[in-house]
């Protein structure tokens, strides 16, 4: 049976792995979007109404 400390350590490791996997997936998805935009000639003005707002720029 695992101790609470061991379980907490496992939890931290899993959270770290999830964060890294999410970051990696985002990078791959963005790469795909850029590829498709380039291939089909999509521009920002063509897509702007179909995308979410994203971060606010100052």
Protein backbone atom coordinates (compact mmCIF):
# COMPACT_ATOMS: atom_id res chain seq x y z
CA UNK A 1 0.00 0.00 0.00
CA UNK A 2 1.35 3.42 -0.98
CA UNK A 3 1.81 6.22 1.52
CA UNK A 4 0.26 9.63 1.12
CA UNK A 5 3.67 11.11 0.32
CA UNK A 6 4.23 8.59 -2.47
CA UNK A 7 0.80 9.27 -3.91
CA UNK A 8 1.37 13.03 -3.78
CA UNK A 9 4.65 12.56 -5.65
CA UNK A 10 2.90 10.43 -8.28
CA UNK A 11 0.22 13.10 -8.60
CA UNK A 12 2.85 15.81 -9.19
CA UNK A 13 4.56 13.68 -11.83
CA UNK A 14 1.27 12.98 -13.61
CA UNK A 15 0.33 16.67 -13.57
CA UNK A 16 3.73 17.51 -15.06
CA UNK A 17 3.28 14.88 -17.79
CA UNK A 18 -0.22 16.17 -18.56
CA UNK A 19 1.08 19.73 -18.86
CA UNK A 20 3.90 18.66 -21.21
CA UNK A 21 1.54 16.54 -23.33
CA UNK A 22 -0.93 19.42 -23.61
CA UNK A 23 1.82 21.81 -24.69
CA UNK A 24 3.09 19.31 -27.26
CA UNK A 25 -0.40 18.72 -28.65
CA UNK A 26 -1.01 22.47 -28.97
CA UNK A 27 2.23 22.86 -30.92
CA UNK A 28 1.30 20.01 -33.28
CA UNK A 29 -2.21 21.40 -33.80
CA UNK A 30 -0.86 24.88 -34.55
CA UNK A 31 1.60 23.38 -37.02
CA UNK A 32 -1.29 21.63 -38.78
CA UNK A 33 -3.38 24.83 -38.91
CA UNK A 34 -0.47 26.76 -40.41
CA UNK A 35 0.09 24.00 -42.95
CA UNK A 36 -3.57 24.00 -44.00
CA UNK A 37 -3.71 27.80 -44.23
CA UNK A 38 -0.63 27.84 -46.43
CA UNK A 39 -1.87 24.99 -48.63
CA UNK A 40 -5.32 26.50 -49.21
CA UNK A 41 -4.38 30.18 -49.12
CA UNK A 42 -6.51 31.08 -46.10
CA UNK A 43 -5.87 34.56 -44.73
CA UNK A 44 -6.55 36.13 -41.36
CA UNK A 45 -9.48 38.13 -42.70
CA UNK A 46 -11.04 34.94 -44.12
CA UNK A 47 -10.78 33.14 -40.78
CA UNK A 48 -11.24 35.87 -38.16
CA UNK A 49 -14.97 35.32 -37.68
CA UNK A 50 -14.47 31.59 -37.20
CA UNK A 51 -11.78 31.71 -34.52
CA UNK A 52 -12.03 32.39 -30.80
CA UNK A 53 -10.71 35.68 -29.43
CA UNK A 54 -7.53 34.37 -27.82
CA UNK A 55 -5.41 36.50 -25.55
CA UNK A 56 -5.84 40.23 -25.20
CA UNK A 57 -2.93 42.28 -26.50
CA UNK A 58 -1.92 45.51 -24.82
